[in-house]
Amino acid sequence: MEPDFTLWGMFAHATIPVQFVMIILLVASVWCWAVIVDKWVQYRKARAEARVFDEAFWSGNPLDELFDKIGATPKGQSEKIFASGMLEWRRSHRQDGGLIAGATSRIDRNMDVAIAKETESLQRGLTVLATVGSAAPFIGLFGTVIGIMNAFIEIAEQQNTNLAVVAPGIAEALLATGLGLFAAIPAVIYYNKLSADADRIVSGYEAFADEFATILSRQLDS
């Protein structure tokens, strides 16, 4: 019977430990692509929401009117940062119209907390890509080592170094390495790209918070 060198054939011919390694790598690859698609959609929505909010914020309309429009618990990320600052701004006013001391620092802290929450949301899942990108090649190598050991054991048992005897074991061993690279390469590439995208989005939030704080500070001074 001729050996089956299709992907399924090599998987079926592999020993249980090597099969287990292959399954782990396939699951890791699917998990990575799920994270990649989810982050791509999330970042696209975040950038679109930020553009829409920036247009509304810099439209020249009163900030109180904008805050009343979006409410105290908005869904958009930029809106949440703005709402956190406006809420503290309103809380800092006394009944006689004066401001409670330390309003500026409290507004800054509130917006910083809101930015930290949005940063955590943006970066959630990226550790999966980093872990798979660094560990998958070694997991695949582990499967390769076991596969080659089994190939040598089969050679010793059959006392035959014919290529037909060696090839199936070597092929299944190299398949484990290939699956490790198949999982790791996209994980590393998209981890770097998505991390940079998240940093740019967060930088936009921080820049907006600084500009908003400057506007409020100017109103306090006046």
C-alpha atoms as a PDB file:
ATOM      1  CA  MET A   1       0.000   0.000   0.000  1.00  0.00           C
ATOM      2  CA  GLU A   2       1.422   3.360  -1.073  1.00  0.00           C
ATOM      3  CA  PRO A   3       1.641   6.043   1.632  1.00  0.00           C
ATOM      4  CA  ASP A   4      -0.901   8.872   1.513  1.00  0.00           C
ATOM      5  CA  PHE A   5       0.923  12.201   1.400  1.00  0.00           C
ATOM      6  CA  THR A   6      -2.185  14.405   1.487  1.00  0.00           C
ATOM      7  CA  LEU A   7      -2.587  16.626   4.531  1.00  0.00           C
ATOM      8  CA  TRP A   8      -5.320  14.421   5.943  1.00  0.00           C
ATOM      9  CA  GLY A   9      -3.341  11.278   5.133  1.00  0.00           C
ATOM     10  CA  MET A  10      -0.248  12.530   6.956  1.00  0.00           C
ATOM     11  CA  PHE A  11      -2.373  13.606   9.913  1.00  0.00           C
ATOM     12  CA  ALA A  12      -4.091  10.214  10.075  1.00  0.00           C
ATOM     13  CA  HIS A  13      -0.752   8.385   9.823  1.00  0.00           C
ATOM     14  CA  ALA A  14       0.865  10.484  12.558  1.00  0.00           C
ATOM     15  CA  THR A  15       1.151   9.239  16.113  1.00  0.00           C
ATOM     16  CA  ILE A  16      -1.223  10.502  18.785  1.00  0.00           C
ATOM     17  CA  PRO A  17       1.262  13.025  20.318  1.00  0.00           C
ATOM     18  CA  VAL A  18       1.966  14.548  16.897  1.00  0.00           C
ATOM     19  CA  GLN A  19      -1.754  14.634  16.102  1.00  0.00           C
ATOM     20  CA  PHE A  20      -2.343  16.398  19.402  1.00  0.00           C
ATOM     21  CA  VAL A  21       0.285  19.008  18.510  1.00  0.00           C
ATOM     22  CA  MET A  22      -1.285  19.545  15.085  1.00  0.00           C
ATOM     23  CA  ILE A  23      -4.741  20.014  16.599  1.00  0.00           C
ATOM     24  CA  ILE A  24      -3.378  22.565  19.087  1.00  0.00           C
ATOM     25  CA  LEU A  25      -1.754  24.526  16.260  1.00  0.00           C
ATOM     26  CA  LEU A  26      -4.889  24.462  14.114  1.00  0.00           C
ATOM     27  CA  VAL A  27      -7.016  25.676  17.024  1.00  0.00           C
ATOM     28  CA  ALA A  28      -4.460  28.406  17.767  1.00  0.00           C
ATOM     29  CA  SER A  29      -4.523  29.505  14.136  1.00  0.00           C
ATOM     30  CA  VAL A  30      -8.330  29.731  14.073  1.00  0.00           C
ATOM     31  CA  TRP A  31      -8.286  31.611  17.385  1.00  0.00           C
ATOM     32  CA  CYS A  32      -5.763  34.104  16.010  1.00  0.00           C
ATOM     33  CA  TRP A  33      -7.822  34.802  12.905  1.00  0.00           C
ATOM     34  CA  ALA A  34     -10.923  35.288  15.058  1.00  0.00           C
ATOM     35  CA  VAL A  35      -9.037  37.876  17.135  1.00  0.00           C
ATOM     36  CA  ILE A  36      -7.664  39.555  13.998  1.00  0.00           C
ATOM     37  CA  VAL A  37     -11.109  39.945  12.423  1.00  0.00           C
ATOM     38  CA  ASP A  38     -12.649  41.131  15.704  1.00  0.00           C
ATOM     39  CA  LYS A  39      -9.933  43.764  16.259  1.00  0.00           C
ATOM     40  CA  TRP A  40     -10.081  44.930  12.639  1.00  0.00           C
ATOM     41  CA  VAL A  41     -13.834  45.526  12.945  1.00  0.00           C
ATOM     42  CA  GLN A  42     -13.463  47.182  16.370  1.00  0.00           C
ATOM     43  CA  TYR A  43     -10.687  49.535  15.237  1.00  0.00           C
ATOM     44  CA  ARG A  44     -12.577  50.475  12.086  1.00  0.00           C
ATOM     45  CA  LYS A  45     -15.645  51.384  14.156  1.00  0.00           C
ATOM     46  CA  ALA A  46     -13.496  53.322  16.650  1.00  0.00           C
ATOM     47  CA  ARG A  47     -11.881  55.421  13.902  1.00  0.00           C
ATOM     48  CA  ALA A  48     -15.242  56.123  12.265  1.00  0.00           C
ATOM     49  CA  GLU A  49     -16.803  57.090  15.608  1.00  0.00           C
ATOM     50  CA  ALA A  50     -13.866  59.387  16.399  1.00  0.00           C
ATOM     51  CA  ARG A  51     -14.222  61.191  13.046  1.00  0.00           C
ATOM     52  CA  VAL A  52     -17.957  61.746  13.551  1.00  0.00           C
ATOM     53  CA  PHE A  53     -17.468  62.971  17.117  1.00  0.00           C
ATOM     54  CA  ASP A  54     -14.625  65.324  16.149  1.00  0.00           C
ATOM     55  CA  GLU A  55     -16.867  66.958  13.559  1.00  0.00           C
ATOM     56  CA  ALA A  56     -19.581  67.463  16.176  1.00  0.00           C
ATOM     57  CA  PHE A  57     -17.130  68.676  18.840  1.00  0.00           C
ATOM     58  CA  TRP A  58     -15.455  71.254  16.594  1.00  0.00           C
ATOM     59  CA  SER A  59     -18.675  72.360  14.908  1.00  0.00           C
ATOM     60  CA  GLY A  60     -18.845  75.455  17.105  1.00  0.00           C
ATOM     61  CA  ASN A  61     -21.976  74.427  18.977  1.00  0.00           C
ATOM     62  CA  PRO A  62     -21.979  74.800  22.792  1.00  0.00           C
ATOM     63  CA  LEU A  63     -20.383  71.869  24.601  1.00  0.00           C
ATOM     64  CA  ASP A  64     -23.294  71.669  27.028  1.00  0.00           C
ATOM     65  CA  GLU A  65     -25.622  71.191  24.077  1.00  0.00           C
ATOM     66  CA  LEU A  66     -23.429  68.398  22.692  1.00  0.00           C
ATOM     67  CA  PHE A  67     -23.286  66.714  26.099  1.00  0.00           C
ATOM     68  CA  ASP A  68     -27.071  66.884  26.485  1.00  0.00           C
ATOM     69  CA  LYS A  69     -27.384  65.308  23.045  1.00  0.00           C
ATOM     70  CA  ILE A  70     -25.110  62.296  23.637  1.00  0.00           C
ATOM     71  CA  GLY A  71     -26.098  61.793  27.304  1.00  0.00           C
ATOM     72  CA  ALA A  72     -24.103  60.739  30.348  1.00  0.00           C
ATOM     73  CA  THR A  73     -23.621  57.114  29.195  1.00  0.00           C
ATOM     74  CA  PRO A  74     -22.802  57.193  25.471  1.00  0.00           C
ATOM     75  CA  LYS A  75     -21.670  54.162  23.463  1.00  0.00           C
ATOM     76  CA  GLY A  76     -18.837  55.706  21.435  1.00  0.00           C
ATOM     77  CA  GLN A  77     -15.302  55.727  22.803  1.00  0.00           C
ATOM     78  CA  SER A  78     -14.604  59.418  22.137  1.00  0.00           C
ATOM     79  CA  GLU A  79     -18.040  60.298  23.488  1.00  0.00           C
ATOM     80  CA  LYS A  80     -17.291  58.415  26.723  1.00  0.00           C
ATOM     81  CA  ILE A  81     -14.104  60.403  27.258  1.00  0.00           C
ATOM     82  CA  PHE A  82     -15.930  63.662  26.557  1.00  0.00           C
ATOM     83  CA  ALA A  83     -18.828  62.672  28.838  1.00  0.00           C
ATOM     84  CA  SER A  84     -16.482  61.805  31.709  1.00  0.00           C
ATOM     85  CA  GLY A  85     -14.954  65.283  31.527  1.00  0.00           C
ATOM     86  CA  MET A  86     -18.290  67.057  31.199  1.00  0.00           C
ATOM     87  CA  LEU A  87     -19.817  65.135  34.107  1.00  0.00           C
ATOM     88  CA  GLU A  88     -17.009  66.210  36.413  1.00  0.00           C
ATOM     89  CA  TRP A  89     -17.217  69.750  35.035  1.00  0.00           C
ATOM     90  CA  ARG A  90     -20.887  69.949  35.999  1.00  0.00           C
ATOM     91  CA  ARG A  91     -20.342  68.293  39.374  1.00  0.00           C
ATOM     92  CA  SER A  92     -17.647  70.846  40.145  1.00  0.00           C
ATOM     93  CA  HIS A  93     -20.121  73.740  40.042  1.00  0.00           C
ATOM     94  CA  ARG A  94     -21.638  74.837  43.340  1.00  0.00           C
ATOM     95  CA  GLN A  95     -25.253  75.875  43.606  1.00  0.00           C
ATOM     96  CA  ASP A  96     -24.229  79.530  43.585  1.00  0.00           C
ATOM     97  CA  GLY A  97     -22.489  79.057  40.221  1.00  0.00           C
ATOM     98  CA  GLY A  98     -18.947  78.985  41.588  1.00  0.00           C
ATOM     99  CA  LEU A  99     -16.466  76.171  41.049  1.00  0.00           C
ATOM    100  CA  ILE A 100     -15.176  73.747  43.668  1.00  0.00           C
ATOM    101  CA  ALA A 101     -11.400  73.964  44.038  1.00  0.00           C
ATOM    102  CA  GLY A 102      -9.345  71.420  42.087  1.00  0.00           C
ATOM    103  CA  ALA A 103     -11.844  71.035  39.246  1.00  0.00           C
ATOM    104  CA  THR A 104      -9.176  70.910  36.545  1.00  0.00           C
ATOM    105  CA  SER A 105      -7.235  68.045  38.120  1.00  0.00           C
ATOM    106  CA  ARG A 106     -10.413  66.057  38.749  1.00  0.00           C
ATOM    107  CA  ILE A 107     -11.539  66.497  35.148  1.00  0.00           C
ATOM    108  CA  ASP A 108      -8.119  65.338  33.922  1.00  0.00           C
ATOM    109  CA  ARG A 109      -8.201  62.263  36.162  1.00  0.00           C
ATOM    110  CA  ASN A 110     -11.718  61.350  35.033  1.00  0.00           C
ATOM    111  CA  MET A 111     -10.725  61.512  31.380  1.00  0.00           C
ATOM    112  CA  ASP A 112      -7.534  59.559  32.073  1.00  0.00           C
ATOM    113  CA  VAL A 113      -9.605  56.782  33.668  1.00  0.00           C
ATOM    114  CA  ALA A 114     -11.944  56.747  30.650  1.00  0.00           C
ATOM    115  CA  ILE A 115      -8.969  56.560  28.272  1.00  0.00           C
ATOM    116  CA  ALA A 116      -7.451  53.702  30.289  1.00  0.00           C
ATOM    117  CA  LYS A 117     -10.700  51.728  30.010  1.00  0.00           C
ATOM    118  CA  GLU A 118     -10.873  52.266  26.253  1.00  0.00           C
ATOM    119  CA  THR A 119      -7.195  51.334  25.908  1.00  0.00           C
ATOM    120  CA  GLU A 120      -7.820  48.069  27.743  1.00  0.00           C
ATOM    121  CA  SER A 121     -10.743  47.321  25.432  1.00  0.00           C
ATOM    122  CA  LEU A 122      -8.681  48.067  22.312  1.00  0.00           C
ATOM    123  CA  GLN A 123      -5.757  45.910  23.422  1.00  0.00           C
ATOM    124  CA  ARG A 124      -7.843  42.992  24.694  1.00  0.00           C
ATOM    125  CA  GLY A 125      -6.992  39.881  22.683  1.00  0.00           C
ATOM    126  CA  LEU A 126      -3.648  41.092  21.359  1.00  0.00           C
ATOM    127  CA  THR A 127      -1.842  38.966  23.948  1.00  0.00           C
ATOM    128  CA  VAL A 128      -3.298  35.921  22.175  1.00  0.00           C
ATOM    129  CA  LEU A 129      -1.522  36.948  18.970  1.00  0.00           C
ATOM    130  CA  ALA A 130       1.718  37.627  20.833  1.00  0.00           C
ATOM    131  CA  THR A 131       1.576  34.269  22.625  1.00  0.00           C
ATOM    132  CA  VAL A 132       0.785  32.257  19.510  1.00  0.00           C
ATOM    133  CA  GLY A 133       3.376  34.152  17.489  1.00  0.00           C
ATOM    134  CA  SER A 134       6.125  33.294  19.958  1.00  0.00           C
ATOM    135  CA  ALA A 135       5.041  29.798  21.062  1.00  0.00           C
ATOM    136  CA  ALA A 136       3.615  28.183  17.905  1.00  0.00           C
ATOM    137  CA  PRO A 137       6.993  27.576  16.184  1.00  0.00           C
ATOM    138  CA  PHE A 138       8.299  25.796  19.288  1.00  0.00           C
ATOM    139  CA  ILE A 139       5.137  23.726  19.623  1.00  0.00           C
ATOM    140  CA  GLY A 140       5.519  22.746  15.966  1.00  0.00           C
ATOM    141  CA  LEU A 141       9.186  21.925  16.564  1.00  0.00           C
ATOM    142  CA  PHE A 142       8.163  19.726  19.477  1.00  0.00           C
ATOM    143  CA  GLY A 143       5.870  17.787  17.141  1.00  0.00           C
ATOM    144  CA  THR A 144       8.666  17.558  14.590  1.00  0.00           C
ATOM    145  CA  VAL A 145      11.080  16.110  17.139  1.00  0.00           C
ATOM    146  CA  ILE A 146       8.544  13.455  18.158  1.00  0.00           C
ATOM    147  CA  GLY A 147       7.788  12.653  14.513  1.00  0.00           C
ATOM    148  CA  ILE A 148      11.465  12.220  13.626  1.00  0.00           C
ATOM    149  CA  MET A 149      12.002  10.040  16.700  1.00  0.00           C
ATOM    150  CA  ASN A 150       9.127   7.822  15.561  1.00  0.00           C
ATOM    151  CA  ALA A 151      10.622   7.691  12.056  1.00  0.00           C
ATOM    152  CA  PHE A 152      13.961   6.457  13.428  1.00  0.00           C
ATOM    153  CA  ILE A 153      12.184   3.940  15.651  1.00  0.00           C
ATOM    154  CA  GLU A 154      10.329   2.593  12.615  1.00  0.00           C
ATOM    155  CA  ILE A 155      13.601   2.331  10.691  1.00  0.00           C
ATOM    156  CA  ALA A 156      15.136   0.369  13.565  1.00  0.00           C
ATOM    157  CA  GLU A 157      12.149  -1.937  13.841  1.00  0.00           C
ATOM    158  CA  GLN A 158      12.028  -2.693  10.115  1.00  0.00           C
ATOM    159  CA  GLN A 159      15.837  -2.586   9.743  1.00  0.00           C
ATOM    160  CA  ASN A 160      15.320  -0.832   6.456  1.00  0.00           C
ATOM    161  CA  THR A 161      16.539   2.637   5.443  1.00  0.00           C
ATOM    162  CA  ASN A 162      14.573   2.686   2.221  1.00  0.00           C
ATOM    163  CA  LEU A 163      13.089   6.106   1.405  1.00  0.00           C
ATOM    164  CA  ALA A 164       9.600   4.601   1.364  1.00  0.00           C
ATOM    165  CA  VAL A 165      10.065   3.697   5.015  1.00  0.00           C
ATOM    166  CA  VAL A 166      11.592   7.027   6.086  1.00  0.00           C
ATOM    167  CA  ALA A 167       9.502   9.464   4.045  1.00  0.00           C
ATOM    168  CA  PRO A 168       6.097   9.162   5.806  1.00  0.00           C
ATOM    169  CA  GLY A 169       7.532   9.779   9.270  1.00  0.00           C
ATOM    170  CA  ILE A 170       9.680  12.694   8.089  1.00  0.00           C
ATOM    171  CA  ALA A 171       6.722  14.183   6.184  1.00  0.00           C
ATOM    172  CA  GLU A 172       4.421  14.126   9.220  1.00  0.00           C
ATOM    173  CA  ALA A 173       7.196  15.604  11.343  1.00  0.00           C
ATOM    174  CA  LEU A 174       7.734  18.490   8.932  1.00  0.00           C
ATOM    175  CA  LEU A 175       3.976  19.018   8.719  1.00  0.00           C
ATOM    176  CA  ALA A 176       3.983  19.886  12.425  1.00  0.00           C
ATOM    177  CA  THR A 177       6.655  22.527  11.798  1.00  0.00           C
ATOM    178  CA  GLY A 178       4.683  23.878   8.862  1.00  0.00           C
ATOM    179  CA  LEU A 179       1.537  24.199  10.963  1.00  0.00           C
ATOM    180  CA  GLY A 180       3.510  25.998  13.656  1.00  0.00           C
ATOM    181  CA  LEU A 181       4.726  28.564  11.124  1.00  0.00           C
ATOM    182  CA  PHE A 182       1.245  28.760   9.586  1.00  0.00           C
ATOM    183  CA  ALA A 183      -0.112  29.844  12.975  1.00  0.00           C
ATOM    184  CA  ALA A 184       2.831  32.023  14.029  1.00  0.00           C
ATOM    185  CA  ILE A 185       3.518  34.155  10.945  1.00  0.00           C
ATOM    186  CA  PRO A 186       0.070  35.824  10.661  1.00  0.00           C
ATOM    187  CA  ALA A 187      -0.046  36.195  14.448  1.00  0.00           C
ATOM    188  CA  VAL A 188       3.247  38.126  14.529  1.00  0.00           C
ATOM    189  CA  ILE A 189       2.415  40.295  11.509  1.00  0.00           C
ATOM    190  CA  TYR A 190      -1.049  41.264  12.730  1.00  0.00           C
ATOM    191  CA  TYR A 191       0.087  41.700  16.328  1.00  0.00           C
ATOM    192  CA  ASN A 192       2.532  44.373  15.193  1.00  0.00           C
ATOM    193  CA  LYS A 193      -0.008  46.041  12.916  1.00  0.00           C
ATOM    194  CA  LEU A 194      -2.914  45.954  15.374  1.00  0.00           C
ATOM    195  CA  SER A 195      -0.702  47.150  18.239  1.00  0.00           C
ATOM    196  CA  ALA A 196       0.363  50.145  16.140  1.00  0.00           C
ATOM    197  CA  ASP A 197      -3.268  50.833  15.178  1.00  0.00           C
ATOM    198  CA  ALA A 198      -4.351  50.691  18.832  1.00  0.00           C
ATOM    199  CA  ASP A 199      -1.547  53.066  19.836  1.00  0.00           C
ATOM    200  CA  ARG A 200      -2.614  55.563  17.157  1.00  0.00           C
ATOM    201  CA  ILE A 201      -6.241  55.430  18.283  1.00  0.00           C
ATOM    202  CA  VAL A 202      -5.264  55.918  21.935  1.00  0.00           C
ATOM    203  CA  SER A 203      -2.971  58.802  20.968  1.00  0.00           C
ATOM    204  CA  GLY A 204      -5.978  60.426  19.316  1.00  0.00           C
ATOM    205  CA  TYR A 205      -7.983  60.031  22.520  1.00  0.00           C
ATOM    206  CA  GLU A 206      -5.169  61.532  24.583  1.00  0.00           C
ATOM    207  CA  ALA A 207      -4.792  64.464  22.188  1.00  0.00           C
ATOM    208  CA  PHE A 208      -8.528  65.133  22.364  1.00  0.00           C
ATOM    209  CA  ALA A 209      -8.483  64.958  26.181  1.00  0.00           C
ATOM    210  CA  ASP A 210      -5.646  67.501  26.289  1.00  0.00           C
ATOM    211  CA  GLU A 211      -7.485  69.859  23.925  1.00  0.00           C
ATOM    212  CA  PHE A 212     -10.728  69.495  25.864  1.00  0.00           C
ATOM    213  CA  ALA A 213      -8.943  70.123  29.161  1.00  0.00           C
ATOM    214  CA  THR A 214      -7.373  73.254  27.669  1.00  0.00           C
ATOM    215  CA  ILE A 215     -10.796  74.556  26.617  1.00  0.00           C
ATOM    216  CA  LEU A 216     -12.235  73.967  30.100  1.00  0.00           C
ATOM    217  CA  SER A 217      -9.181  75.521  31.729  1.00  0.00           C
ATOM    218  CA  ARG A 218      -9.605  78.597  29.543  1.00  0.00           C
ATOM    219  CA  GLN A 219     -13.214  78.888  30.660  1.00  0.00           C
ATOM    220  CA  LEU A 220     -12.137  78.578  34.286  1.00  0.00           C
ATOM    221  CA  ASP A 221      -9.616  81.348  33.877  1.00  0.00           C
ATOM    222  CA  SER A 222     -12.158  83.625  32.241  1.00  0.00           C
END
